[in-house]
Amino acid sequence: MFDIKAKIEEVVKKLKGSKSLMSQFNTDPIKVVEKIIGKDLPDEAVAQVVEGVKAKLGSEDSSNIISKIGGLFKKK
């Protein structure tokens, strides 16, 4: 058994460090996750990691957008 949360964090870290990998992830996430963590995982485990990565990236994107919008309304 493996730690899904740890694998998600590993994949997110590598995606953030590589625009090329991020682009590939957007077009074929399963292939990229398998490339990063290896193909020794069952298909359903890879799918869970993909969904976790998408959720993590989406939540981080949302918080970045919210903080930028909030910055527009701050008084100087």
PDB file of N, CA and C in Angstrom:
ATOM      1  N   MET A   1       0.846  -1.197   0.000  1.00  0.00           N
ATOM      2  CA  MET A   1       0.000   0.000   0.000  1.00  0.00           C
ATOM      3  C   MET A   1       0.880   1.245   0.000  1.00  0.00           C
ATOM      4  N   PHE A   2       0.366   2.312  -0.514  1.00  0.00           N
ATOM      5  CA  PHE A   2       1.123   3.551  -0.584  1.00  0.00           C
ATOM      6  C   PHE A   2       0.269   4.694  -0.053  1.00  0.00           C
ATOM      7  N   ASP A   3       0.911   5.781   0.235  1.00  0.00           N
ATOM      8  CA  ASP A   3       0.235   6.964   0.769  1.00  0.00           C
ATOM      9  C   ASP A   3      -0.207   7.850  -0.390  1.00  0.00           C
ATOM     10  N   ILE A   4      -1.509   7.879  -0.658  1.00  0.00           N
ATOM     11  CA  ILE A   4      -2.038   8.652  -1.782  1.00  0.00           C
ATOM     12  C   ILE A   4      -1.734  10.134  -1.603  1.00  0.00           C
ATOM     13  N   LYS A   5      -1.895  10.645  -0.388  1.00  0.00           N
ATOM     14  CA  LYS A   5      -1.641  12.063  -0.148  1.00  0.00           C
ATOM     15  C   LYS A   5      -0.197  12.424  -0.469  1.00  0.00           C
ATOM     16  N   ALA A   6       0.731  11.547  -0.099  1.00  0.00           N
ATOM     17  CA  ALA A   6       2.149  11.802  -0.389  1.00  0.00           C
ATOM     18  C   ALA A   6       2.401  11.798  -1.892  1.00  0.00           C
ATOM     19  N   LYS A   7       1.765  10.881  -2.609  1.00  0.00           N
ATOM     20  CA  LYS A   7       1.922  10.824  -4.066  1.00  0.00           C
ATOM     21  C   LYS A   7       1.337  12.073  -4.720  1.00  0.00           C
ATOM     22  N   ILE A   8       0.197  12.533  -4.216  1.00  0.00           N
ATOM     23  CA  ILE A   8      -0.423  13.755  -4.753  1.00  0.00           C
ATOM     24  C   ILE A   8       0.532  14.930  -4.566  1.00  0.00           C
ATOM     25  N   GLU A   9       1.086  15.056  -3.367  1.00  0.00           N
ATOM     26  CA  GLU A   9       2.031  16.152  -3.082  1.00  0.00           C
ATOM     27  C   GLU A   9       3.256  16.071  -3.992  1.00  0.00           C
ATOM     28  N   GLU A  10       3.759  14.851  -4.202  1.00  0.00           N
ATOM     29  CA  GLU A  10       4.921  14.645  -5.072  1.00  0.00           C
ATOM     30  C   GLU A  10       4.620  15.105  -6.496  1.00  0.00           C
ATOM     31  N   VAL A  11       3.458  14.709  -7.005  1.00  0.00           N
ATOM     32  CA  VAL A  11       3.085  15.061  -8.372  1.00  0.00           C
ATOM     33  C   VAL A  11       2.873  16.570  -8.494  1.00  0.00           C
ATOM     34  N   VAL A  12       2.181  17.172  -7.537  1.00  0.00           N
ATOM     35  CA  VAL A  12       1.926  18.614  -7.579  1.00  0.00           C
ATOM     36  C   VAL A  12       3.246  19.377  -7.575  1.00  0.00           C
ATOM     37  N   LYS A  13       4.172  18.967  -6.730  1.00  0.00           N
ATOM     38  CA  LYS A  13       5.475  19.635  -6.648  1.00  0.00           C
ATOM     39  C   LYS A  13       6.207  19.569  -7.991  1.00  0.00           C
ATOM     40  N   LYS A  14       6.206  18.405  -8.610  1.00  0.00           N
ATOM     41  CA  LYS A  14       6.894  18.258  -9.892  1.00  0.00           C
ATOM     42  C   LYS A  14       6.186  19.033 -11.002  1.00  0.00           C
ATOM     43  N   LEU A  15       4.867  19.071 -10.969  1.00  0.00           N
ATOM     44  CA  LEU A  15       4.124  19.817 -11.984  1.00  0.00           C
ATOM     45  C   LEU A  15       4.397  21.310 -11.864  1.00  0.00           C
ATOM     46  N   LYS A  16       4.441  21.810 -10.639  1.00  0.00           N
ATOM     47  CA  LYS A  16       4.698  23.239 -10.429  1.00  0.00           C
ATOM     48  C   LYS A  16       6.106  23.622 -10.870  1.00  0.00           C
ATOM     49  N   GLY A  17       7.020  22.664 -10.848  1.00  0.00           N
ATOM     50  CA  GLY A  17       8.400  22.934 -11.231  1.00  0.00           C
ATOM     51  C   GLY A  17       8.673  22.798 -12.720  1.00  0.00           C
ATOM     52  N   SER A  18       7.671  22.391 -13.478  1.00  0.00           N
ATOM     53  CA  SER A  18       7.892  22.166 -14.903  1.00  0.00           C
ATOM     54  C   SER A  18       6.664  22.564 -15.720  1.00  0.00           C
ATOM     55  N   LYS A  19       6.797  23.625 -16.493  1.00  0.00           N
ATOM     56  CA  LYS A  19       5.696  24.056 -17.360  1.00  0.00           C
ATOM     57  C   LYS A  19       5.369  22.986 -18.392  1.00  0.00           C
ATOM     58  N   SER A  20       6.408  22.277 -18.846  1.00  0.00           N
ATOM     59  CA  SER A  20       6.217  21.221 -19.826  1.00  0.00           C
ATOM     60  C   SER A  20       5.356  20.091 -19.246  1.00  0.00           C
ATOM     61  N   LEU A  21       5.694  19.651 -18.032  1.00  0.00           N
ATOM     62  CA  LEU A  21       4.900  18.596 -17.392  1.00  0.00           C
ATOM     63  C   LEU A  21       3.468  19.069 -17.136  1.00  0.00           C
ATOM     64  N   MET A  22       3.318  20.319 -16.717  1.00  0.00           N
ATOM     65  CA  MET A  22       1.986  20.856 -16.448  1.00  0.00           C
ATOM     66  C   MET A  22       1.156  20.850 -17.722  1.00  0.00           C
ATOM     67  N   SER A  23       1.759  21.232 -18.829  1.00  0.00           N
ATOM     68  CA  SER A  23       1.066  21.222 -20.114  1.00  0.00           C
ATOM     69  C   SER A  23       0.656  19.801 -20.488  1.00  0.00           C
ATOM     70  N   GLN A  24       1.568  18.861 -20.296  1.00  0.00           N
ATOM     71  CA  GLN A  24       1.265  17.459 -20.583  1.00  0.00           C
ATOM     72  C   GLN A  24       0.158  16.940 -19.666  1.00  0.00           C
ATOM     73  N   PHE A  25       0.194  17.362 -18.391  1.00  0.00           N
ATOM     74  CA  PHE A  25      -0.822  16.937 -17.432  1.00  0.00           C
ATOM     75  C   PHE A  25      -2.200  17.418 -17.876  1.00  0.00           C
ATOM     76  N   ASN A  26      -2.265  18.616 -18.416  1.00  0.00           N
ATOM     77  CA  ASN A  26      -3.553  19.165 -18.859  1.00  0.00           C
ATOM     78  C   ASN A  26      -4.134  18.384 -20.028  1.00  0.00           C
ATOM     79  N   THR A  27      -3.284  17.757 -20.839  1.00  0.00           N
ATOM     80  CA  THR A  27      -3.780  17.000 -21.984  1.00  0.00           C
ATOM     81  C   THR A  27      -3.923  15.507 -21.700  1.00  0.00           C
ATOM     82  N   ASP A  28      -3.039  14.939 -20.869  1.00  0.00           N
ATOM     83  CA  ASP A  28      -3.093  13.506 -20.569  1.00  0.00           C
ATOM     84  C   ASP A  28      -2.629  13.251 -19.135  1.00  0.00           C
ATOM     85  N   PRO A  29      -3.501  13.558 -18.158  1.00  0.00           N
ATOM     86  CA  PRO A  29      -3.081  13.488 -16.760  1.00  0.00           C
ATOM     87  C   PRO A  29      -2.657  12.093 -16.294  1.00  0.00           C
ATOM     88  N   ILE A  30      -3.318  11.064 -16.748  1.00  0.00           N
ATOM     89  CA  ILE A  30      -2.975   9.712 -16.301  1.00  0.00           C
ATOM     90  C   ILE A  30      -1.562   9.344 -16.741  1.00  0.00           C
ATOM     91  N   LYS A  31      -1.232   9.631 -17.967  1.00  0.00           N
ATOM     92  CA  LYS A  31       0.096   9.326 -18.489  1.00  0.00           C
ATOM     93  C   LYS A  31       1.178  10.068 -17.698  1.00  0.00           C
ATOM     94  N   VAL A  32       0.933  11.329 -17.377  1.00  0.00           N
ATOM     95  CA  VAL A  32       1.922  12.126 -16.648  1.00  0.00           C
ATOM     96  C   VAL A  32       2.080  11.617 -15.219  1.00  0.00           C
ATOM     97  N   VAL A  33       0.968  11.297 -14.557  1.00  0.00           N
ATOM     98  CA  VAL A  33       1.054  10.764 -13.192  1.00  0.00           C
ATOM     99  C   VAL A  33       1.809   9.447 -13.192  1.00  0.00           C
ATOM    100  N   GLU A  34       1.528   8.581 -14.143  1.00  0.00           N
ATOM    101  CA  GLU A  34       2.252   7.310 -14.229  1.00  0.00           C
ATOM    102  C   GLU A  34       3.735   7.553 -14.467  1.00  0.00           C
ATOM    103  N   LYS A  35       4.054   8.549 -15.284  1.00  0.00           N
ATOM    104  CA  LYS A  35       5.445   8.886 -15.570  1.00  0.00           C
ATOM    105  C   LYS A  35       6.158   9.361 -14.301  1.00  0.00           C
ATOM    106  N   ILE A  36       5.477  10.163 -13.494  1.00  0.00           N
ATOM    107  CA  ILE A  36       6.084  10.720 -12.291  1.00  0.00           C
ATOM    108  C   ILE A  36       6.209   9.686 -11.177  1.00  0.00           C
ATOM    109  N   ILE A  37       5.141   8.914 -10.919  1.00  0.00           N
ATOM    110  CA  ILE A  37       5.162   7.998  -9.781  1.00  0.00           C
ATOM    111  C   ILE A  37       5.464   6.553 -10.150  1.00  0.00           C
ATOM    112  N   GLY A  38       5.478   6.251 -11.417  1.00  0.00           N
ATOM    113  CA  GLY A  38       5.758   4.886 -11.849  1.00  0.00           C
ATOM    114  C   GLY A  38       4.482   4.141 -12.186  1.00  0.00           C
ATOM    115  N   LYS A  39       4.621   3.102 -12.963  1.00  0.00           N
ATOM    116  CA  LYS A  39       3.453   2.355 -13.438  1.00  0.00           C
ATOM    117  C   LYS A  39       3.134   1.144 -12.570  1.00  0.00           C
ATOM    118  N   ASP A  40       3.750   1.061 -11.395  1.00  0.00           N
ATOM    119  CA  ASP A  40       3.528  -0.095 -10.547  1.00  0.00           C
ATOM    120  C   ASP A  40       2.267   0.021  -9.694  1.00  0.00           C
ATOM    121  N   LEU A  41       1.469   1.043  -9.919  1.00  0.00           N
ATOM    122  CA  LEU A  41       0.242   1.237  -9.160  1.00  0.00           C
ATOM    123  C   LEU A  41      -0.963   0.750  -9.949  1.00  0.00           C
ATOM    124  N   PRO A  42      -1.982   0.261  -9.235  1.00  0.00           N
ATOM    125  CA  PRO A  42      -3.221  -0.134  -9.920  1.00  0.00           C
ATOM    126  C   PRO A  42      -3.893   1.075 -10.567  1.00  0.00           C
ATOM    127  N   ASP A  43      -4.666   0.825 -11.612  1.00  0.00           N
ATOM    128  CA  ASP A  43      -5.332   1.903 -12.350  1.00  0.00           C
ATOM    129  C   ASP A  43      -6.182   2.783 -11.449  1.00  0.00           C
ATOM    130  N   GLU A  44      -6.920   2.162 -10.502  1.00  0.00           N
ATOM    131  CA  GLU A  44      -7.784   2.979  -9.642  1.00  0.00           C
ATOM    132  C   GLU A  44      -6.966   3.864  -8.705  1.00  0.00           C
ATOM    133  N   ALA A  45      -5.777   3.428  -8.315  1.00  0.00           N
ATOM    134  CA  ALA A  45      -4.906   4.262  -7.478  1.00  0.00           C
ATOM    135  C   ALA A  45      -4.382   5.450  -8.275  1.00  0.00           C
ATOM    136  N   VAL A  46      -4.002   5.204  -9.512  1.00  0.00           N
ATOM    137  CA  VAL A  46      -3.537   6.297 -10.377  1.00  0.00           C
ATOM    138  C   VAL A  46      -4.665   7.300 -10.586  1.00  0.00           C
ATOM    139  N   ALA A  47      -5.873   6.808 -10.790  1.00  0.00           N
ATOM    140  CA  ALA A  47      -7.026   7.692 -10.986  1.00  0.00           C
ATOM    141  C   ALA A  47      -7.275   8.544  -9.740  1.00  0.00           C
ATOM    142  N   GLN A  48      -7.102   7.958  -8.553  1.00  0.00           N
ATOM    143  CA  GLN A  48      -7.275   8.720  -7.312  1.00  0.00           C
ATOM    144  C   GLN A  48      -6.222   9.814  -7.196  1.00  0.00           C
ATOM    145  N   VAL A  49      -4.996   9.498  -7.574  1.00  0.00           N
ATOM    146  CA  VAL A  49      -3.927  10.495  -7.526  1.00  0.00           C
ATOM    147  C   VAL A  49      -4.233  11.626  -8.506  1.00  0.00           C
ATOM    148  N   VAL A  50      -4.670  11.283  -9.715  1.00  0.00           N
ATOM    149  CA  VAL A  50      -5.006  12.297 -10.724  1.00  0.00           C
ATOM    150  C   VAL A  50      -6.086  13.226 -10.177  1.00  0.00           C
ATOM    151  N   GLU A  51      -7.144  12.673  -9.607  1.00  0.00           N
ATOM    152  CA  GLU A  51      -8.237  13.496  -9.079  1.00  0.00           C
ATOM    153  C   GLU A  51      -7.756  14.368  -7.921  1.00  0.00           C
ATOM    154  N   GLY A  52      -6.906  13.815  -7.066  1.00  0.00           N
ATOM    155  CA  GLY A  52      -6.356  14.590  -5.961  1.00  0.00           C
ATOM    156  C   GLY A  52      -5.486  15.736  -6.437  1.00  0.00           C
ATOM    157  N   VAL A  53      -4.682  15.477  -7.456  1.00  0.00           N
ATOM    158  CA  VAL A  53      -3.817  16.521  -8.019  1.00  0.00           C
ATOM    159  C   VAL A  53      -4.672  17.621  -8.639  1.00  0.00           C
ATOM    160  N   LYS A  54      -5.689  17.244  -9.402  1.00  0.00           N
ATOM    161  CA  LYS A  54      -6.577  18.236 -10.015  1.00  0.00           C
ATOM    162  C   LYS A  54      -7.244  19.090  -8.934  1.00  0.00           C
ATOM    163  N   ALA A  55      -7.695  18.452  -7.870  1.00  0.00           N
ATOM    164  CA  ALA A  55      -8.354  19.187  -6.792  1.00  0.00           C
ATOM    165  C   ALA A  55      -7.376  20.137  -6.115  1.00  0.00           C
ATOM    166  N   LYS A  56      -6.163  19.658  -5.862  1.00  0.00           N
ATOM    167  CA  LYS A  56      -5.160  20.489  -5.190  1.00  0.00           C
ATOM    168  C   LYS A  56      -4.769  21.671  -6.069  1.00  0.00           C
ATOM    169  N   LEU A  57      -4.518  21.422  -7.336  1.00  0.00           N
ATOM    170  CA  LEU A  57      -4.163  22.504  -8.247  1.00  0.00           C
ATOM    171  C   LEU A  57      -5.322  23.485  -8.403  1.00  0.00           C
ATOM    172  N   GLY A  58      -6.524  22.975  -8.473  1.00  0.00           N
ATOM    173  CA  GLY A  58      -7.696  23.829  -8.598  1.00  0.00           C
ATOM    174  C   GLY A  58      -7.907  24.695  -7.380  1.00  0.00           C
ATOM    175  N   SER A  59      -7.711  24.137  -6.202  1.00  0.00           N
ATOM    176  CA  SER A  59      -7.907  24.923  -4.982  1.00  0.00           C
ATOM    177  C   SER A  59      -6.824  25.973  -4.843  1.00  0.00           C
ATOM    178  N   GLU A  60      -5.603  25.659  -5.248  1.00  0.00           N
ATOM    179  CA  GLU A  60      -4.521  26.637  -5.178  1.00  0.00           C
ATOM    180  C   GLU A  60      -4.742  27.748  -6.195  1.00  0.00           C
ATOM    181  N   ASP A  61      -5.217  27.387  -7.376  1.00  0.00           N
ATOM    182  CA  ASP A  61      -5.522  28.402  -8.389  1.00  0.00           C
ATOM    183  C   ASP A  61      -6.631  29.325  -7.885  1.00  0.00           C
ATOM    184  N   SER A  62      -7.645  28.739  -7.257  1.00  0.00           N
ATOM    185  CA  SER A  62      -8.758  29.529  -6.739  1.00  0.00           C
ATOM    186  C   SER A  62      -8.292  30.489  -5.657  1.00  0.00           C
ATOM    187  N   SER A  63      -7.457  30.015  -4.749  1.00  0.00           N
ATOM    188  CA  SER A  63      -7.009  30.892  -3.673  1.00  0.00           C
ATOM    189  C   SER A  63      -6.115  31.999  -4.217  1.00  0.00           C
ATOM    190  N   ASN A  64      -5.323  31.705  -5.242  1.00  0.00           N
ATOM    191  CA  ASN A  64      -4.499  32.743  -5.861  1.00  0.00           C
ATOM    192  C   ASN A  64      -5.371  33.802  -6.520  1.00  0.00           C
ATOM    193  N   ILE A  65      -6.403  33.381  -7.197  1.00  0.00           N
ATOM    194  CA  ILE A  65      -7.311  34.317  -7.860  1.00  0.00           C
ATOM    195  C   ILE A  65      -8.023  35.176  -6.818  1.00  0.00           C
ATOM    196  N   ILE A  66      -8.487  34.543  -5.755  1.00  0.00           N
ATOM    197  CA  ILE A  66      -9.194  35.281  -4.707  1.00  0.00           C
ATOM    198  C   ILE A  66      -8.278  36.306  -4.061  1.00  0.00           C
ATOM    199  N   SER A  67      -7.040  35.925  -3.775  1.00  0.00           N
ATOM    200  CA  SER A  67      -6.121  36.875  -3.145  1.00  0.00           C
ATOM    201  C   SER A  67      -5.791  38.034  -4.089  1.00  0.00           C
ATOM    202  N   LYS A  68      -5.679  37.760  -5.371  1.00  0.00           N
ATOM    203  CA  LYS A  68      -5.402  38.830  -6.335  1.00  0.00           C
ATOM    204  C   LYS A  68      -6.591  39.777  -6.459  1.00  0.00           C
ATOM    205  N   ILE A  69      -7.786  39.224  -6.486  1.00  0.00           N
ATOM    206  CA  ILE A  69      -8.989  40.065  -6.558  1.00  0.00           C
ATOM    207  C   ILE A  69      -9.101  40.903  -5.284  1.00  0.00           C
ATOM    208  N   GLY A  70      -8.874  40.277  -4.148  1.00  0.00           N
ATOM    209  CA  GLY A  70      -8.930  40.998  -2.883  1.00  0.00           C
ATOM    210  C   GLY A  70      -7.925  42.143  -2.848  1.00  0.00           C
ATOM    211  N   GLY A  71      -6.761  41.959  -3.448  1.00  0.00           N
ATOM    212  CA  GLY A  71      -5.726  42.983  -3.489  1.00  0.00           C
ATOM    213  C   GLY A  71      -6.153  44.194  -4.299  1.00  0.00           C
ATOM    214  N   LEU A  72      -7.065  44.002  -5.221  1.00  0.00           N
ATOM    215  CA  LEU A  72      -7.537  45.120  -6.042  1.00  0.00           C
ATOM    216  C   LEU A  72      -8.351  46.121  -5.227  1.00  0.00           C
ATOM    217  N   PHE A  73      -8.980  45.631  -4.156  1.00  0.00           N
ATOM    218  CA  PHE A  73      -9.883  46.477  -3.385  1.00  0.00           C
ATOM    219  C   PHE A  73      -9.287  47.046  -2.116  1.00  0.00           C
ATOM    220  N   LYS A  74      -8.022  46.763  -1.850  1.00  0.00           N
ATOM    221  CA  LYS A  74      -7.355  47.302  -0.668  1.00  0.00           C
ATOM    222  C   LYS A  74      -7.062  48.783  -0.864  1.00  0.00           C
ATOM    223  N   LYS A  75      -7.237  49.529   0.206  1.00  0.00           N
ATOM    224  CA  LYS A  75      -6.943  50.953   0.157  1.00  0.00           C
ATOM    225  C   LYS A  75      -5.440  51.158   0.301  1.00  0.00           C
ATOM    226  N   LYS A  76      -4.947  52.129  -0.393  1.00  0.00           N
ATOM    227  CA  LYS A  76      -3.524  52.425  -0.329  1.00  0.00           C
ATOM    228  C   LYS A  76      -3.276  53.652   0.517  1.00  0.00           C
TER     229      LYS A  76
END
